[in-house]
PDB file of N, CA and C in Angstrom:
ATOM      1  N   MET A   1     114.807 172.307  14.758  1.00  0.00           N
ATOM      2  CA  MET A   1     114.114 171.199  15.350  1.00  0.00           C
ATOM      3  C   MET A   1     114.907 170.606  16.502  1.00  0.00           C
ATOM      4  N   ALA A   2     116.221 170.659  16.432  1.00  0.00           N
ATOM      5  CA  ALA A   2     117.057 170.143  17.515  1.00  0.00           C
ATOM      6  C   ALA A   2     116.859 170.968  18.766  1.00  0.00           C
ATOM      7  N   ILE A   3     116.583 172.237  18.619  1.00  0.00           N
ATOM      8  CA  ILE A   3     116.347 173.099  19.780  1.00  0.00           C
ATOM      9  C   ILE A   3     115.062 172.683  20.474  1.00  0.00           C
ATOM     10  N   ASP A   4     114.019 172.387  19.710  1.00  0.00           N
ATOM     11  CA  ASP A   4     112.758 171.964  20.296  1.00  0.00           C
ATOM     12  C   ASP A   4     112.923 170.660  21.073  1.00  0.00           C
ATOM     13  N   ALA A   5     113.674 169.725  20.540  1.00  0.00           N
ATOM     14  CA  ALA A   5     113.905 168.453  21.222  1.00  0.00           C
ATOM     15  C   ALA A   5     114.681 168.679  22.507  1.00  0.00           C
ATOM     16  N   ALA A   6     115.668 169.557  22.478  1.00  0.00           N
ATOM     17  CA  ALA A   6     116.461 169.846  23.673  1.00  0.00           C
ATOM     18  C   ALA A   6     115.595 170.537  24.722  1.00  0.00           C
ATOM     19  N   GLU A   7     114.758 171.452  24.287  1.00  0.00           N
ATOM     20  CA  GLU A   7     113.863 172.131  25.225  1.00  0.00           C
ATOM     21  C   GLU A   7     112.877 171.140  25.826  1.00  0.00           C
ATOM     22  N   SER A   8     112.369 170.247  24.992  1.00  0.00           N
ATOM     23  CA  SER A   8     111.425 169.241  25.468  1.00  0.00           C
ATOM     24  C   SER A   8     112.090 168.321  26.486  1.00  0.00           C
ATOM     25  N   GLN A   9     113.317 167.911  26.214  1.00  0.00           N
ATOM     26  CA  GLN A   9     114.059 167.051  27.144  1.00  0.00           C
ATOM     27  C   GLN A   9     114.290 167.775  28.464  1.00  0.00           C
ATOM     28  N   GLY A  10     114.630 169.051  28.399  1.00  0.00           N
ATOM     29  CA  GLY A  10     114.831 169.841  29.620  1.00  0.00           C
ATOM     30  C   GLY A  10     113.550 169.963  30.414  1.00  0.00           C
ATOM     31  N   SER A  11     112.438 170.108  29.719  1.00  0.00           N
ATOM     32  CA  SER A  11     111.132 170.200  30.378  1.00  0.00           C
ATOM     33  C   SER A  11     110.789 168.895  31.079  1.00  0.00           C
ATOM     34  N   VAL A  12     111.047 167.783  30.421  1.00  0.00           N
ATOM     35  CA  VAL A  12     110.791 166.466  31.006  1.00  0.00           C
ATOM     36  C   VAL A  12     111.657 166.278  32.248  1.00  0.00           C
ATOM     37  N   GLU A  13     112.915 166.671  32.167  1.00  0.00           N
ATOM     38  CA  GLU A  13     113.828 166.554  33.306  1.00  0.00           C
ATOM     39  C   GLU A  13     113.354 167.427  34.469  1.00  0.00           C
ATOM     40  N   ASN A  14     112.856 168.623  34.167  1.00  0.00           N
ATOM     41  CA  ASN A  14     112.346 169.510  35.216  1.00  0.00           C
ATOM     42  C   ASN A  14     111.129 168.906  35.901  1.00  0.00           C
ATOM     43  N   VAL A  15     110.245 168.302  35.103  1.00  0.00           N
ATOM     44  CA  VAL A  15     109.054 167.662  35.665  1.00  0.00           C
ATOM     45  C   VAL A  15     109.466 166.480  36.533  1.00  0.00           C
ATOM     46  N   ALA A  16     110.395 165.677  36.053  1.00  0.00           N
ATOM     47  CA  ALA A  16     110.870 164.518  36.817  1.00  0.00           C
ATOM     48  C   ALA A  16     111.545 164.974  38.111  1.00  0.00           C
ATOM     49  N   ALA A  17     112.334 166.018  38.048  1.00  0.00           N
ATOM     50  CA  ALA A  17     113.014 166.531  39.242  1.00  0.00           C
ATOM     51  C   ALA A  17     111.996 167.056  40.248  1.00  0.00           C
ATOM     52  N   ALA A  18     110.971 167.750  39.757  1.00  0.00           N
ATOM     53  CA  ALA A  18     109.935 168.278  40.655  1.00  0.00           C
ATOM     54  C   ALA A  18     109.155 167.135  41.300  1.00  0.00           C
ATOM     55  N   GLU A  19     108.837 166.118  40.503  1.00  0.00           N
ATOM     56  CA  GLU A  19     108.113 164.969  41.039  1.00  0.00           C
ATOM     57  C   GLU A  19     108.966 164.239  42.078  1.00  0.00           C
ATOM     58  N   LEU A  20     110.231 164.051  41.784  1.00  0.00           N
ATOM     59  CA  LEU A  20     111.138 163.393  42.719  1.00  0.00           C
ATOM     60  C   LEU A  20     111.233 164.191  44.013  1.00  0.00           C
ATOM     61  N   ARG A  21     111.337 165.510  43.916  1.00  0.00           N
ATOM     62  CA  ARG A  21     111.407 166.366  45.094  1.00  0.00           C
ATOM     63  C   ARG A  21     110.143 166.208  45.950  1.00  0.00           C
ATOM     64  N   GLN A  22     108.973 166.172  45.297  1.00  0.00           N
ATOM     65  CA  GLN A  22     107.713 165.993  46.026  1.00  0.00           C
ATOM     66  C   GLN A  22     107.674 164.653  46.750  1.00  0.00           C
ATOM     67  N   LEU A  23     108.120 163.603  46.079  1.00  0.00           N
ATOM     68  CA  LEU A  23     108.134 162.284  46.698  1.00  0.00           C
ATOM     69  C   LEU A  23     109.074 162.245  47.903  1.00  0.00           C
ATOM     70  N   ILE A  24     110.249 162.813  47.747  1.00  0.00           N
ATOM     71  CA  ILE A  24     111.216 162.859  48.849  1.00  0.00           C
ATOM     72  C   ILE A  24     110.654 163.648  50.019  1.00  0.00           C
ATOM     73  N   GLU A  25     110.021 164.776  49.747  1.00  0.00           N
ATOM     74  CA  GLU A  25     109.445 165.598  50.816  1.00  0.00           C
ATOM     75  C   GLU A  25     108.312 164.865  51.522  1.00  0.00           C
ATOM     76  N   ARG A  26     107.506 164.109  50.784  1.00  0.00           N
ATOM     77  CA  ARG A  26     106.442 163.303  51.420  1.00  0.00           C
ATOM     78  C   ARG A  26     107.046 162.250  52.338  1.00  0.00           C
ATOM     79  N   ILE A  27     108.085 161.587  51.862  1.00  0.00           N
ATOM     80  CA  ILE A  27     108.761 160.573  52.687  1.00  0.00           C
ATOM     81  C   ILE A  27     109.311 161.221  53.950  1.00  0.00           C
ATOM     82  N   GLU A  28     109.932 162.382  53.807  1.00  0.00           N
ATOM     83  CA  GLU A  28     110.495 163.072  54.980  1.00  0.00           C
ATOM     84  C   GLU A  28     109.411 163.434  55.984  1.00  0.00           C
ATOM     85  N   ARG A  29     108.262 163.915  55.506  1.00  0.00           N
ATOM     86  CA  ARG A  29     107.153 164.244  56.417  1.00  0.00           C
ATOM     87  C   ARG A  29     106.651 162.997  57.134  1.00  0.00           C
ATOM     88  N   LEU A  30     106.523 161.907  56.389  1.00  0.00           N
ATOM     89  CA  LEU A  30     106.064 160.659  56.994  1.00  0.00           C
ATOM     90  C   LEU A  30     107.068 160.124  58.012  1.00  0.00           C
ATOM     91  N   GLU A  31     108.351 160.270  57.726  1.00  0.00           N
ATOM     92  CA  GLU A  31     109.378 159.851  58.686  1.00  0.00           C
ATOM     93  C   GLU A  31     109.272 160.667  59.979  1.00  0.00           C
ATOM     94  N   GLU A  32     108.987 161.962  59.848  1.00  0.00           N
ATOM     95  CA  GLU A  32     108.796 162.804  61.030  1.00  0.00           C
ATOM     96  C   GLU A  32     107.585 162.347  61.828  1.00  0.00           C
ATOM     97  N   GLU A  33     106.491 162.040  61.126  1.00  0.00           N
ATOM     98  CA  GLU A  33     105.285 161.548  61.799  1.00  0.00           C
ATOM     99  C   GLU A  33     105.556 160.215  62.489  1.00  0.00           C
ATOM    100  N   LYS A  34     106.304 159.354  61.812  1.00  0.00           N
ATOM    101  CA  LYS A  34     106.633 158.046  62.384  1.00  0.00           C
ATOM    102  C   LYS A  34     107.447 158.222  63.664  1.00  0.00           C
ATOM    103  N   ALA A  35     108.402 159.138  63.654  1.00  0.00           N
ATOM    104  CA  ALA A  35     109.215 159.392  64.850  1.00  0.00           C
ATOM    105  C   ALA A  35     108.339 159.917  65.978  1.00  0.00           C
ATOM    106  N   SER A  36     107.394 160.784  65.646  1.00  0.00           N
ATOM    107  CA  SER A  36     106.487 161.334  66.653  1.00  0.00           C
ATOM    108  C   SER A  36     105.602 160.243  67.242  1.00  0.00           C
ATOM    109  N   ILE A  37     105.087 159.383  66.391  1.00  0.00           N
ATOM    110  CA  ILE A  37     104.240 158.284  66.854  1.00  0.00           C
ATOM    111  C   ILE A  37     105.058 157.322  67.710  1.00  0.00           C
ATOM    112  N   SER A  38     106.287 157.060  67.299  1.00  0.00           N
ATOM    113  CA  SER A  38     107.165 156.180  68.074  1.00  0.00           C
ATOM    114  C   SER A  38     107.391 156.753  69.471  1.00  0.00           C
ATOM    115  N   ASP A  39     107.592 158.052  69.556  1.00  0.00           N
ATOM    116  CA  ASP A  39     107.750 158.709  70.861  1.00  0.00           C
ATOM    117  C   ASP A  39     106.478 158.571  71.689  1.00  0.00           C
ATOM    118  N   ASP A  40     105.321 158.708  71.055  1.00  0.00           N
ATOM    119  CA  ASP A  40     104.042 158.557  71.759  1.00  0.00           C
ATOM    120  C   ASP A  40     103.891 157.142  72.312  1.00  0.00           C
ATOM    121  N   ILE A  41     104.282 156.149  71.518  1.00  0.00           N
ATOM    122  CA  ILE A  41     104.194 154.759  71.962  1.00  0.00           C
ATOM    123  C   ILE A  41     105.116 154.534  73.157  1.00  0.00           C
ATOM    124  N   LYS A  42     106.322 155.082  73.099  1.00  0.00           N
ATOM    125  CA  LYS A  42     107.254 154.966  74.226  1.00  0.00           C
ATOM    126  C   LYS A  42     106.663 155.593  75.481  1.00  0.00           C
ATOM    127  N   ASP A  43     105.990 156.716  75.309  1.00  0.00           N
ATOM    128  CA  ASP A  43     105.354 157.384  76.451  1.00  0.00           C
ATOM    129  C   ASP A  43     104.280 156.501  77.076  1.00  0.00           C
ATOM    130  N   VAL A  44     103.495 155.825  76.240  1.00  0.00           N
ATOM    131  CA  VAL A  44     102.436 154.950  76.752  1.00  0.00           C
ATOM    132  C   VAL A  44     103.053 153.778  77.514  1.00  0.00           C
ATOM    133  N   TYR A  45     104.112 153.191  76.951  1.00  0.00           N
ATOM    134  CA  TYR A  45     104.784 152.104  77.668  1.00  0.00           C
ATOM    135  C   TYR A  45     105.385 152.614  78.980  1.00  0.00           C
ATOM    136  N   GLY A  46     105.911 153.817  78.976  1.00  0.00           N
ATOM    137  CA  GLY A  46     106.444 154.403  80.208  1.00  0.00           C
ATOM    138  C   GLY A  46     105.354 154.595  81.251  1.00  0.00           C
ATOM    139  N   GLU A  47     104.203 155.051  80.802  1.00  0.00           N
ATOM    140  CA  GLU A  47     103.056 155.213  81.701  1.00  0.00           C
ATOM    141  C   GLU A  47     102.630 153.866  82.273  1.00  0.00           C
ATOM    142  N   ALA A  48     102.575 152.845  81.412  1.00  0.00           N
ATOM    143  CA  ALA A  48     102.190 151.506  81.857  1.00  0.00           C
ATOM    144  C   ALA A  48     103.194 150.979  82.882  1.00  0.00           C
ATOM    145  N   LYS A  49     104.468 151.196  82.617  1.00  0.00           N
ATOM    146  CA  LYS A  49     105.505 150.753  83.557  1.00  0.00           C
ATOM    147  C   LYS A  49     105.356 151.467  84.886  1.00  0.00           C
ATOM    148  N   GLY A  50     105.062 152.743  84.834  1.00  0.00           N
ATOM    149  CA  GLY A  50     104.855 153.524  86.051  1.00  0.00           C
ATOM    150  C   GLY A  50     103.666 153.045  86.870  1.00  0.00           C
ATOM    151  N   ARG A  51     102.712 152.423  86.211  1.00  0.00           N
ATOM    152  CA  ARG A  51     101.529 151.896  86.899  1.00  0.00           C
ATOM    153  C   ARG A  51     101.708 150.440  87.316  1.00  0.00           C
ATOM    154  N   GLY A  52     102.916 149.899  87.060  1.00  0.00           N
ATOM    155  CA  GLY A  52     103.227 148.561  87.524  1.00  0.00           C
ATOM    156  C   GLY A  52     103.014 147.439  86.523  1.00  0.00           C
ATOM    157  N   TYR A  53     102.708 147.769  85.284  1.00  0.00           N
ATOM    158  CA  TYR A  53     102.519 146.731  84.276  1.00  0.00           C
ATOM    159  C   TYR A  53     103.868 146.264  83.739  1.00  0.00           C
ATOM    160  N   ASP A  54     103.928 145.008  83.312  1.00  0.00           N
ATOM    161  CA  ASP A  54     105.125 144.431  82.712  1.00  0.00           C
ATOM    162  C   ASP A  54     105.121 144.789  81.226  1.00  0.00           C
ATOM    163  N   THR A  55     105.969 145.730  80.851  1.00  0.00           N
ATOM    164  CA  THR A  55     105.947 146.226  79.474  1.00  0.00           C
ATOM    165  C   THR A  55     106.488 145.195  78.483  1.00  0.00           C
ATOM    166  N   LYS A  56     107.361 144.315  78.937  1.00  0.00           N
ATOM    167  CA  LYS A  56     107.847 143.258  78.039  1.00  0.00           C
ATOM    168  C   LYS A  56     106.683 142.349  77.642  1.00  0.00           C
ATOM    169  N   ALA A  57     105.854 141.996  78.608  1.00  0.00           N
ATOM    170  CA  ALA A  57     104.676 141.173  78.325  1.00  0.00           C
ATOM    171  C   ALA A  57     103.706 141.936  77.425  1.00  0.00           C
ATOM    172  N   MET A  58     103.551 143.214  77.667  1.00  0.00           N
ATOM    173  CA  MET A  58     102.650 144.016  76.833  1.00  0.00           C
ATOM    174  C   MET A  58     103.136 144.061  75.387  1.00  0.00           C
ATOM    175  N   ARG A  59     104.442 144.215  75.196  1.00  0.00           N
ATOM    176  CA  ARG A  59     105.003 144.239  73.836  1.00  0.00           C
ATOM    177  C   ARG A  59     104.768 142.904  73.137  1.00  0.00           C
ATOM    178  N   THR A  60     104.898 141.814  73.893  1.00  0.00           N
ATOM    179  CA  THR A  60     104.655 140.490  73.330  1.00  0.00           C
ATOM    180  C   THR A  60     103.195 140.358  72.911  1.00  0.00           C
ATOM    181  N   ILE A  61     102.295 140.826  73.740  1.00  0.00           N
ATOM    182  CA  ILE A  61     100.867 140.756  73.421  1.00  0.00           C
ATOM    183  C   ILE A  61     100.554 141.582  72.180  1.00  0.00           C
ATOM    184  N   VAL A  62     101.109 142.778  72.093  1.00  0.00           N
ATOM    185  CA  VAL A  62     100.879 143.627  70.916  1.00  0.00           C
ATOM    186  C   VAL A  62     101.383 142.911  69.665  1.00  0.00           C
ATOM    187  N   ARG A  63     102.576 142.292  69.755  1.00  0.00           N
ATOM    188  CA  ARG A  63     103.131 141.559  68.620  1.00  0.00           C
ATOM    189  C   ARG A  63     102.236 140.380  68.242  1.00  0.00           C
ATOM    190  N   LEU A  64     101.741 139.641  69.239  1.00  0.00           N
ATOM    191  CA  LEU A  64     100.897 138.483  68.968  1.00  0.00           C
ATOM    192  C   LEU A  64      99.546 138.868  68.392  1.00  0.00           C
ATOM    193  N   ARG A  65      98.995 139.988  68.834  1.00  0.00           N
ATOM    194  CA  ARG A  65      97.683 140.424  68.337  1.00  0.00           C
ATOM    195  C   ARG A  65      97.722 140.816  66.866  1.00  0.00           C
ATOM    196  N   LYS A  66      98.908 141.091  66.354  1.00  0.00           N
ATOM    197  CA  LYS A  66      99.045 141.427  64.934  1.00  0.00           C
ATOM    198  C   LYS A  66      98.906 140.189  64.055  1.00  0.00           C
ATOM    199  N   LYS A  67      99.086 139.007  64.651  1.00  0.00           N
ATOM    200  CA  LYS A  67      99.039 137.758  63.892  1.00  0.00           C
ATOM    201  C   LYS A  67      97.636 137.171  63.954  1.00  0.00           C
ATOM    202  N   ASP A  68      97.316 136.356  62.956  1.00  0.00           N
ATOM    203  CA  ASP A  68      96.020 135.683  63.020  1.00  0.00           C
ATOM    204  C   ASP A  68      96.127 134.483  63.969  1.00  0.00           C
ATOM    205  N   ALA A  69      94.988 133.942  64.345  1.00  0.00           N
ATOM    206  CA  ALA A  69      94.932 132.883  65.360  1.00  0.00           C
ATOM    207  C   ALA A  69      95.721 131.654  64.940  1.00  0.00           C
ATOM    208  N   ASN A  70      95.615 131.255  63.686  1.00  0.00           N
ATOM    209  CA  ASN A  70      96.330 130.062  63.218  1.00  0.00           C
ATOM    210  C   ASN A  70      97.844 130.253  63.295  1.00  0.00           C
ATOM    211  N   GLU A  71      98.302 131.426  62.925  1.00  0.00           N
ATOM    212  CA  GLU A  71      99.738 131.719  62.974  1.00  0.00           C
ATOM    213  C   GLU A  71     100.238 131.682  64.419  1.00  0.00           C
ATOM    214  N   ARG A  72      99.438 132.240  65.346  1.00  0.00           N
ATOM    215  CA  ARG A  72      99.816 132.209  66.768  1.00  0.00           C
ATOM    216  C   ARG A  72      99.871 130.781  67.289  1.00  0.00           C
ATOM    217  N   LEU A  73      98.856 129.977  66.945  1.00  0.00           N
ATOM    218  CA  LEU A  73      98.821 128.590  67.407  1.00  0.00           C
ATOM    219  C   LEU A  73     100.014 127.796  66.876  1.00  0.00           C
ATOM    220  N   GLU A  74     100.348 128.008  65.624  1.00  0.00           N
ATOM    221  CA  GLU A  74     101.492 127.314  65.036  1.00  0.00           C
ATOM    222  C   GLU A  74     102.784 127.719  65.745  1.00  0.00           C
ATOM    223  N   GLU A  75     102.944 129.011  66.010  1.00  0.00           N
ATOM    224  CA  GLU A  75     104.135 129.505  66.701  1.00  0.00           C
ATOM    225  C   GLU A  75     104.227 128.917  68.109  1.00  0.00           C
ATOM    226  N   GLU A  76     103.107 128.889  68.814  1.00  0.00           N
ATOM    227  CA  GLU A  76     103.089 128.334  70.173  1.00  0.00           C
ATOM    228  C   GLU A  76     103.406 126.837  70.155  1.00  0.00           C
ATOM    229  N   SER A  77     102.879 126.118  69.175  1.00  0.00           N
ATOM    230  CA  SER A  77     103.119 124.684  69.055  1.00  0.00           C
ATOM    231  C   SER A  77     104.604 124.401  68.820  1.00  0.00           C
ATOM    232  N   ILE A  78     105.201 125.141  67.926  1.00  0.00           N
ATOM    233  CA  ILE A  78     106.628 124.968  67.643  1.00  0.00           C
ATOM    234  C   ILE A  78     107.450 125.297  68.883  1.00  0.00           C
ATOM    235  N   LEU A  79     107.101 126.379  69.563  1.00  0.00           N
ATOM    236  CA  LEU A  79     107.810 126.763  70.779  1.00  0.00           C
ATOM    237  C   LEU A  79     107.716 125.654  71.831  1.00  0.00           C
ATOM    238  N   GLN A  80     106.531 125.100  72.036  1.00  0.00           N
ATOM    239  CA  GLN A  80     106.360 124.018  73.013  1.00  0.00           C
ATOM    240  C   GLN A  80     107.161 122.786  72.616  1.00  0.00           C
ATOM    241  N   THR A  81     107.188 122.461  71.332  1.00  0.00           N
ATOM    242  CA  THR A  81     107.955 121.315  70.848  1.00  0.00           C
ATOM    243  C   THR A  81     109.445 121.514  71.135  1.00  0.00           C
ATOM    244  N   TYR A  82     109.949 122.692  70.840  1.00  0.00           N
ATOM    245  CA  TYR A  82     111.367 122.969  71.074  1.00  0.00           C
ATOM    246  C   TYR A  82     111.695 122.949  72.573  1.00  0.00           C
ATOM    247  N   MET A  83     110.805 123.538  73.373  1.00  0.00           N
ATOM    248  CA  MET A  83     111.041 123.554  74.813  1.00  0.00           C
ATOM    249  C   MET A  83     111.049 122.121  75.368  1.00  0.00           C
ATOM    250  N   ALA A  84     110.133 121.280  74.898  1.00  0.00           N
ATOM    251  CA  ALA A  84     110.090 119.890  75.345  1.00  0.00           C
ATOM    252  C   ALA A  84     111.360 119.161  74.940  1.00  0.00           C
ATOM    253  N   ALA A  85     111.824 119.418  73.724  1.00  0.00           N
ATOM    254  CA  ALA A  85     113.047 118.766  73.245  1.00  0.00           C
ATOM    255  C   ALA A  85     114.263 119.174  74.077  1.00  0.00           C
ATOM    256  N   LEU A  86     114.221 120.353  74.642  1.00  0.00           N
ATOM    257  CA  LEU A  86     115.330 120.853  75.468  1.00  0.00           C
ATOM    258  C   LEU A  86     115.120 120.578  76.951  1.00  0.00           C
ATOM    259  N   GLY A  87     114.035 119.863  77.276  1.00  0.00           N
ATOM    260  CA  GLY A  87     113.759 119.532  78.674  1.00  0.00           C
ATOM    261  C   GLY A  87     113.348 120.731  79.510  1.00  0.00           C
ATOM    262  N   MET A  88     112.725 121.693  78.890  1.00  0.00           N
ATOM    263  CA  MET A  88     112.334 122.921  79.594  1.00  0.00           C
ATOM    264  C   MET A  88     110.898 122.862  80.097  1.00  0.00           C
ATOM    265  N   GLU A  89     110.161 121.789  79.817  1.00  0.00           N
ATOM    266  CA  GLU A  89     108.760 121.700  80.256  1.00  0.00           C
ATOM    267  C   GLU A  89     108.615 120.711  81.368  1.00  0.00           C
TER     268      GLU A  89
END
């Protein structure tokens, strides 16, 4: 009976190792895709820069569009308050 338990434990370990390997390989594939997409995004910004667009402003717009309207308004309000306090307005 001890042999059966040892075999069963080895089988469980093999299944866990195979599952772990699959998960790691999926992560690696996704990391490769992410790097490829990142390169594509850089290319688009490079194209925009070549056409005379301000890529810093574009990055800011992309970042702001990810937020909802209330979050953007709150951020802008705080920024204006701080700028006023520093005499920047």
